[in-house]
Amino acid sequence: MTVYPLFRNAAFEPEAISTMTWAHAEVCRTLGLDERDHPDIDRVARTVIEFAQRGARDQNRLRDCVLRALRD
């Protein structure tokens, strides 16, 4: 499942969308999520968007913030 359409509809520059897409994929991979885990994948996407809106633009920082938030 591609999340690009979710990010495209938000007010982000193309570079930020690329970073967010990478972070989302990395978080899903780390958590072992796949297409069958729609609610969890959507939660990851919402969390990525939340941290990106707060200004996280570095892909590794964004990934780490999302993983910490989801594990707490």
PDB file of N, CA and C in Angstrom:
ATOM      1  N   MET A   1       0.854  -1.185   0.000  1.00  0.00           N
ATOM      2  CA  MET A   1       0.000   0.000   0.000  1.00  0.00           C
ATOM      3  C   MET A   1       0.893   1.239   0.000  1.00  0.00           C
ATOM      4  N   THR A   2       0.647   2.096  -0.922  1.00  0.00           N
ATOM      5  CA  THR A   2       1.410   3.346  -0.977  1.00  0.00           C
ATOM      6  C   THR A   2       0.696   4.420  -0.176  1.00  0.00           C
ATOM      7  N   VAL A   3       1.450   5.187   0.563  1.00  0.00           N
ATOM      8  CA  VAL A   3       0.867   6.249   1.379  1.00  0.00           C
ATOM      9  C   VAL A   3       1.041   7.610   0.743  1.00  0.00           C
ATOM     10  N   TYR A   4       1.707   7.658  -0.379  1.00  0.00           N
ATOM     11  CA  TYR A   4       1.949   8.937  -1.043  1.00  0.00           C
ATOM     12  C   TYR A   4       0.676   9.761  -1.190  1.00  0.00           C
ATOM     13  N   PRO A   5      -0.466   9.172  -1.607  1.00  0.00           N
ATOM     14  CA  PRO A   5      -1.682   9.997  -1.729  1.00  0.00           C
ATOM     15  C   PRO A   5      -2.100  10.657  -0.410  1.00  0.00           C
ATOM     16  N   LEU A   6      -1.866  10.007   0.713  1.00  0.00           N
ATOM     17  CA  LEU A   6      -2.200  10.618   2.004  1.00  0.00           C
ATOM     18  C   LEU A   6      -1.377  11.866   2.244  1.00  0.00           C
ATOM     19  N   PHE A   7      -0.086  11.795   1.929  1.00  0.00           N
ATOM     20  CA  PHE A   7       0.812  12.907   2.166  1.00  0.00           C
ATOM     21  C   PHE A   7       0.632  14.015   1.135  1.00  0.00           C
ATOM     22  N   ARG A   8       0.292  13.652  -0.083  1.00  0.00           N
ATOM     23  CA  ARG A   8       0.160  14.622  -1.161  1.00  0.00           C
ATOM     24  C   ARG A   8      -0.949  15.632  -0.870  1.00  0.00           C
ATOM     25  N   ASN A   9      -1.993  15.208  -0.176  1.00  0.00           N
ATOM     26  CA  ASN A   9      -3.128  16.093   0.082  1.00  0.00           C
ATOM     27  C   ASN A   9      -2.866  17.068   1.221  1.00  0.00           C
ATOM     28  N   ALA A  10      -1.792  16.887   1.927  1.00  0.00           N
ATOM     29  CA  ALA A  10      -1.421  17.824   2.987  1.00  0.00           C
ATOM     30  C   ALA A  10      -0.537  18.918   2.385  1.00  0.00           C
ATOM     31  N   ALA A  11      -0.293  19.954   3.145  1.00  0.00           N
ATOM     32  CA  ALA A  11       0.496  21.080   2.643  1.00  0.00           C
ATOM     33  C   ALA A  11       1.977  20.845   2.906  1.00  0.00           C
ATOM     34  N   PHE A  12       2.595  20.013   2.092  1.00  0.00           N
ATOM     35  CA  PHE A  12       4.011  19.708   2.221  1.00  0.00           C
ATOM     36  C   PHE A  12       4.683  19.844   0.867  1.00  0.00           C
ATOM     37  N   GLU A  13       5.943  20.248   0.904  1.00  0.00           N
ATOM     38  CA  GLU A  13       6.753  20.330  -0.309  1.00  0.00           C
ATOM     39  C   GLU A  13       7.094  18.917  -0.782  1.00  0.00           C
ATOM     40  N   PRO A  14       7.401  18.754  -2.069  1.00  0.00           N
ATOM     41  CA  PRO A  14       7.740  17.424  -2.589  1.00  0.00           C
ATOM     42  C   PRO A  14       8.880  16.742  -1.825  1.00  0.00           C
ATOM     43  N   GLU A  15       9.890  17.502  -1.413  1.00  0.00           N
ATOM     44  CA  GLU A  15      10.993  16.895  -0.661  1.00  0.00           C
ATOM     45  C   GLU A  15      10.511  16.357   0.689  1.00  0.00           C
ATOM     46  N   ALA A  16       9.635  17.090   1.345  1.00  0.00           N
ATOM     47  CA  ALA A  16       9.078  16.638   2.624  1.00  0.00           C
ATOM     48  C   ALA A  16       8.239  15.387   2.423  1.00  0.00           C
ATOM     49  N   ILE A  17       7.485  15.341   1.344  1.00  0.00           N
ATOM     50  CA  ILE A  17       6.666  14.163   1.052  1.00  0.00           C
ATOM     51  C   ILE A  17       7.551  12.941   0.838  1.00  0.00           C
ATOM     52  N   SER A  18       8.654  13.133   0.152  1.00  0.00           N
ATOM     53  CA  SER A  18       9.595  12.030  -0.058  1.00  0.00           C
ATOM     54  C   SER A  18      10.147  11.537   1.276  1.00  0.00           C
ATOM     55  N   THR A  19      10.527  12.456   2.138  1.00  0.00           N
ATOM     56  CA  THR A  19      11.042  12.102   3.462  1.00  0.00           C
ATOM     57  C   THR A  19       9.979  11.374   4.271  1.00  0.00           C
ATOM     58  N   MET A  20       8.758  11.872   4.226  1.00  0.00           N
ATOM     59  CA  MET A  20       7.671  11.262   4.972  1.00  0.00           C
ATOM     60  C   MET A  20       7.359   9.859   4.463  1.00  0.00           C
ATOM     61  N   THR A  21       7.386   9.695   3.158  1.00  0.00           N
ATOM     62  CA  THR A  21       7.117   8.382   2.571  1.00  0.00           C
ATOM     63  C   THR A  21       8.188   7.387   2.996  1.00  0.00           C
ATOM     64  N   TRP A  22       9.453   7.822   2.979  1.00  0.00           N
ATOM     65  CA  TRP A  22      10.555   6.960   3.409  1.00  0.00           C
ATOM     66  C   TRP A  22      10.390   6.584   4.883  1.00  0.00           C
ATOM     67  N   ALA A  23      10.118   7.582   5.725  1.00  0.00           N
ATOM     68  CA  ALA A  23       9.969   7.330   7.155  1.00  0.00           C
ATOM     69  C   ALA A  23       8.810   6.371   7.411  1.00  0.00           C
ATOM     70  N   HIS A  24       7.715   6.558   6.714  1.00  0.00           N
ATOM     71  CA  HIS A  24       6.559   5.674   6.875  1.00  0.00           C
ATOM     72  C   HIS A  24       6.935   4.240   6.521  1.00  0.00           C
ATOM     73  N   ALA A  25       7.605   4.063   5.412  1.00  0.00           N
ATOM     74  CA  ALA A  25       8.001   2.714   4.987  1.00  0.00           C
ATOM     75  C   ALA A  25       8.952   2.079   5.996  1.00  0.00           C
ATOM     76  N   GLU A  26       9.895   2.862   6.512  1.00  0.00           N
ATOM     77  CA  GLU A  26      10.858   2.350   7.489  1.00  0.00           C
ATOM     78  C   GLU A  26      10.178   1.965   8.805  1.00  0.00           C
ATOM     79  N   VAL A  27       9.244   2.788   9.257  1.00  0.00           N
ATOM     80  CA  VAL A  27       8.524   2.474  10.493  1.00  0.00           C
ATOM     81  C   VAL A  27       7.698   1.208  10.301  1.00  0.00           C
ATOM     82  N   CYS A  28       6.995   1.107   9.195  1.00  0.00           N
ATOM     83  CA  CYS A  28       6.194  -0.090   8.930  1.00  0.00           C
ATOM     84  C   CYS A  28       7.078  -1.336   8.858  1.00  0.00           C
ATOM     85  N   ARG A  29       8.235  -1.214   8.212  1.00  0.00           N
ATOM     86  CA  ARG A  29       9.163  -2.342   8.109  1.00  0.00           C
ATOM     87  C   ARG A  29       9.665  -2.735   9.491  1.00  0.00           C
ATOM     88  N   THR A  30      10.053  -1.747  10.284  1.00  0.00           N
ATOM     89  CA  THR A  30      10.571  -2.004  11.625  1.00  0.00           C
ATOM     90  C   THR A  30       9.529  -2.684  12.507  1.00  0.00           C
ATOM     91  N   LEU A  31       8.283  -2.269  12.364  1.00  0.00           N
ATOM     92  CA  LEU A  31       7.198  -2.838  13.169  1.00  0.00           C
ATOM     93  C   LEU A  31       6.615  -4.116  12.572  1.00  0.00           C
ATOM     94  N   GLY A  32       7.083  -4.492  11.386  1.00  0.00           N
ATOM     95  CA  GLY A  32       6.604  -5.717  10.743  1.00  0.00           C
ATOM     96  C   GLY A  32       5.191  -5.611  10.197  1.00  0.00           C
ATOM     97  N   LEU A  33       4.797  -4.414   9.782  1.00  0.00           N
ATOM     98  CA  LEU A  33       3.450  -4.201   9.250  1.00  0.00           C
ATOM     99  C   LEU A  33       3.422  -4.453   7.751  1.00  0.00           C
ATOM    100  N   ASP A  34       2.288  -4.948   7.261  1.00  0.00           N
ATOM    101  CA  ASP A  34       2.099  -5.104   5.822  1.00  0.00           C
ATOM    102  C   ASP A  34       0.675  -4.714   5.460  1.00  0.00           C
ATOM    103  N   GLU A  35       0.267  -4.970   4.224  1.00  0.00           N
ATOM    104  CA  GLU A  35      -1.037  -4.515   3.720  1.00  0.00           C
ATOM    105  C   GLU A  35      -2.217  -4.970   4.566  1.00  0.00           C
ATOM    106  N   ARG A  36      -2.073  -6.073   5.273  1.00  0.00           N
ATOM    107  CA  ARG A  36      -3.188  -6.587   6.083  1.00  0.00           C
ATOM    108  C   ARG A  36      -3.407  -5.769   7.344  1.00  0.00           C
ATOM    109  N   ASP A  37      -2.463  -4.920   7.679  1.00  0.00           N
ATOM    110  CA  ASP A  37      -2.508  -4.146   8.919  1.00  0.00           C
ATOM    111  C   ASP A  37      -2.984  -2.713   8.681  1.00  0.00           C
ATOM    112  N   HIS A  38      -4.077  -2.555   7.934  1.00  0.00           N
ATOM    113  CA  HIS A  38      -4.542  -1.220   7.545  1.00  0.00           C
ATOM    114  C   HIS A  38      -4.681  -0.229   8.701  1.00  0.00           C
ATOM    115  N   PRO A  39      -5.340  -0.597   9.807  1.00  0.00           N
ATOM    116  CA  PRO A  39      -5.467   0.397  10.896  1.00  0.00           C
ATOM    117  C   PRO A  39      -4.109   0.836  11.440  1.00  0.00           C
ATOM    118  N   ASP A  40      -3.183  -0.091  11.567  1.00  0.00           N
ATOM    119  CA  ASP A  40      -1.863   0.258  12.084  1.00  0.00           C
ATOM    120  C   ASP A  40      -1.075   1.091  11.079  1.00  0.00           C
ATOM    121  N   ILE A  41      -1.182   0.753   9.802  1.00  0.00           N
ATOM    122  CA  ILE A  41      -0.500   1.521   8.762  1.00  0.00           C
ATOM    123  C   ILE A  41      -1.037   2.953   8.725  1.00  0.00           C
ATOM    124  N   ASP A  42      -2.336   3.098   8.864  1.00  0.00           N
ATOM    125  CA  ASP A  42      -2.942   4.432   8.896  1.00  0.00           C
ATOM    126  C   ASP A  42      -2.491   5.210  10.124  1.00  0.00           C
ATOM    127  N   ARG A  43      -2.352   4.528  11.246  1.00  0.00           N
ATOM    128  CA  ARG A  43      -1.871   5.182  12.468  1.00  0.00           C
ATOM    129  C   ARG A  43      -0.439   5.675  12.273  1.00  0.00           C
ATOM    130  N   VAL A  44       0.383   4.866  11.629  1.00  0.00           N
ATOM    131  CA  VAL A  44       1.755   5.284  11.334  1.00  0.00           C
ATOM    132  C   VAL A  44       1.718   6.535  10.453  1.00  0.00           C
ATOM    133  N   ALA A  45       0.894   6.522   9.417  1.00  0.00           N
ATOM    134  CA  ALA A  45       0.811   7.666   8.505  1.00  0.00           C
ATOM    135  C   ALA A  45       0.385   8.933   9.243  1.00  0.00           C
ATOM    136  N   ARG A  46      -0.628   8.819  10.092  1.00  0.00           N
ATOM    137  CA  ARG A  46      -1.082   9.989  10.849  1.00  0.00           C
ATOM    138  C   ARG A  46       0.017  10.518  11.766  1.00  0.00           C
ATOM    139  N   THR A  47       0.780   9.603  12.359  1.00  0.00           N
ATOM    140  CA  THR A  47       1.855  10.008  13.260  1.00  0.00           C
ATOM    141  C   THR A  47       2.993  10.662  12.481  1.00  0.00           C
ATOM    142  N   VAL A  48       3.312  10.133  11.304  1.00  0.00           N
ATOM    143  CA  VAL A  48       4.321  10.757  10.445  1.00  0.00           C
ATOM    144  C   VAL A  48       3.901  12.181  10.104  1.00  0.00           C
ATOM    145  N   ILE A  49       2.664  12.362   9.698  1.00  0.00           N
ATOM    146  CA  ILE A  49       2.153  13.690   9.350  1.00  0.00           C
ATOM    147  C   ILE A  49       2.240  14.625  10.554  1.00  0.00           C
ATOM    148  N   GLU A  50       1.858  14.121  11.717  1.00  0.00           N
ATOM    149  CA  GLU A  50       1.892  14.941  12.931  1.00  0.00           C
ATOM    150  C   GLU A  50       3.301  15.463  13.212  1.00  0.00           C
ATOM    151  N   PHE A  51       4.295  14.581  13.148  1.00  0.00           N
ATOM    152  CA  PHE A  51       5.658  15.019  13.432  1.00  0.00           C
ATOM    153  C   PHE A  51       6.214  15.898  12.312  1.00  0.00           C
ATOM    154  N   ALA A  52       5.838  15.637  11.094  1.00  0.00           N
ATOM    155  CA  ALA A  52       6.276  16.493   9.984  1.00  0.00           C
ATOM    156  C   ALA A  52       5.687  17.897  10.136  1.00  0.00           C
ATOM    157  N   GLN A  53       4.443  17.985  10.582  1.00  0.00           N
ATOM    158  CA  GLN A  53       3.828  19.292  10.814  1.00  0.00           C
ATOM    159  C   GLN A  53       4.525  20.044  11.938  1.00  0.00           C
ATOM    160  N   ARG A  54       5.127  19.311  12.856  1.00  0.00           N
ATOM    161  CA  ARG A  54       5.882  19.929  13.958  1.00  0.00           C
ATOM    162  C   ARG A  54       7.277  20.355  13.520  1.00  0.00           C
ATOM    163  N   GLY A  55       7.647  19.992  12.295  1.00  0.00           N
ATOM    164  CA  GLY A  55       8.922  20.452  11.766  1.00  0.00           C
ATOM    165  C   GLY A  55       9.990  19.400  11.568  1.00  0.00           C
ATOM    166  N   ALA A  56       9.701  18.132  11.871  1.00  0.00           N
ATOM    167  CA  ALA A  56      10.693  17.070  11.660  1.00  0.00           C
ATOM    168  C   ALA A  56      10.846  16.858  10.152  1.00  0.00           C
ATOM    169  N   ARG A  57      12.025  17.187   9.607  1.00  0.00           N
ATOM    170  CA  ARG A  57      12.248  17.058   8.159  1.00  0.00           C
ATOM    171  C   ARG A  57      13.375  16.087   7.816  1.00  0.00           C
ATOM    172  N   ASP A  58      14.237  15.783   8.797  1.00  0.00           N
ATOM    173  CA  ASP A  58      15.281  14.800   8.581  1.00  0.00           C
ATOM    174  C   ASP A  58      14.643  13.415   8.640  1.00  0.00           C
ATOM    175  N   GLN A  59      14.900  12.575   7.644  1.00  0.00           N
ATOM    176  CA  GLN A  59      14.201  11.300   7.566  1.00  0.00           C
ATOM    177  C   GLN A  59      14.494  10.390   8.762  1.00  0.00           C
ATOM    178  N   ASN A  60      15.729  10.356   9.229  1.00  0.00           N
ATOM    179  CA  ASN A  60      16.057   9.509  10.371  1.00  0.00           C
ATOM    180  C   ASN A  60      15.415  10.032  11.658  1.00  0.00           C
ATOM    181  N   ARG A  61      15.424  11.341  11.819  1.00  0.00           N
ATOM    182  CA  ARG A  61      14.787  11.938  12.999  1.00  0.00           C
ATOM    183  C   ARG A  61      13.281  11.691  12.968  1.00  0.00           C
ATOM    184  N   LEU A  62      12.684  11.857  11.816  1.00  0.00           N
ATOM    185  CA  LEU A  62      11.250  11.632  11.672  1.00  0.00           C
ATOM    186  C   LEU A  62      10.914  10.187  12.002  1.00  0.00           C
ATOM    187  N   ARG A  63      11.666   9.253  11.437  1.00  0.00           N
ATOM    188  CA  ARG A  63      11.441   7.824  11.717  1.00  0.00           C
ATOM    189  C   ARG A  63      11.548   7.546  13.211  1.00  0.00           C
ATOM    190  N   ASP A  64      12.591   8.055  13.834  1.00  0.00           N
ATOM    191  CA  ASP A  64      12.819   7.791  15.249  1.00  0.00           C
ATOM    192  C   ASP A  64      11.714   8.385  16.125  1.00  0.00           C
ATOM    193  N   CYS A  65      11.275   9.590  15.798  1.00  0.00           N
ATOM    194  CA  CYS A  65      10.187  10.223  16.558  1.00  0.00           C
ATOM    195  C   CYS A  65       8.908   9.406  16.460  1.00  0.00           C
ATOM    196  N   VAL A  66       8.603   8.942  15.262  1.00  0.00           N
ATOM    197  CA  VAL A  66       7.375   8.160  15.062  1.00  0.00           C
ATOM    198  C   VAL A  66       7.479   6.836  15.802  1.00  0.00           C
ATOM    199  N   LEU A  67       8.609   6.163  15.712  1.00  0.00           N
ATOM    200  CA  LEU A  67       8.766   4.892  16.431  1.00  0.00           C
ATOM    201  C   LEU A  67       8.617   5.094  17.934  1.00  0.00           C
ATOM    202  N   ARG A  68       9.231   6.130  18.485  1.00  0.00           N
ATOM    203  CA  ARG A  68       9.117   6.388  19.927  1.00  0.00           C
ATOM    204  C   ARG A  68       7.647   6.651  20.307  1.00  0.00           C
ATOM    205  N   ALA A  69       6.971   7.451  19.509  1.00  0.00           N
ATOM    206  CA  ALA A  69       5.571   7.786  19.811  1.00  0.00           C
ATOM    207  C   ALA A  69       4.679   6.548  19.766  1.00  0.00           C
ATOM    208  N   LEU A  70       4.916   5.686  18.814  1.00  0.00           N
ATOM    209  CA  LEU A  70       4.071   4.500  18.671  1.00  0.00           C
ATOM    210  C   LEU A  70       4.377   3.436  19.723  1.00  0.00           C
ATOM    211  N   ARG A  71       5.588   3.451  20.249  1.00  0.00           N
ATOM    212  CA  ARG A  71       5.962   2.456  21.255  1.00  0.00           C
ATOM    213  C   ARG A  71       5.613   2.887  22.668  1.00  0.00           C
ATOM    214  N   ASP A  72       5.346   4.165  22.856  1.00  0.00           N
ATOM    215  CA  ASP A  72       4.992   4.668  24.210  1.00  0.00           C
ATOM    216  C   ASP A  72       3.559   4.376  24.558  1.00  0.00           C
TER     217      ASP A  72
END
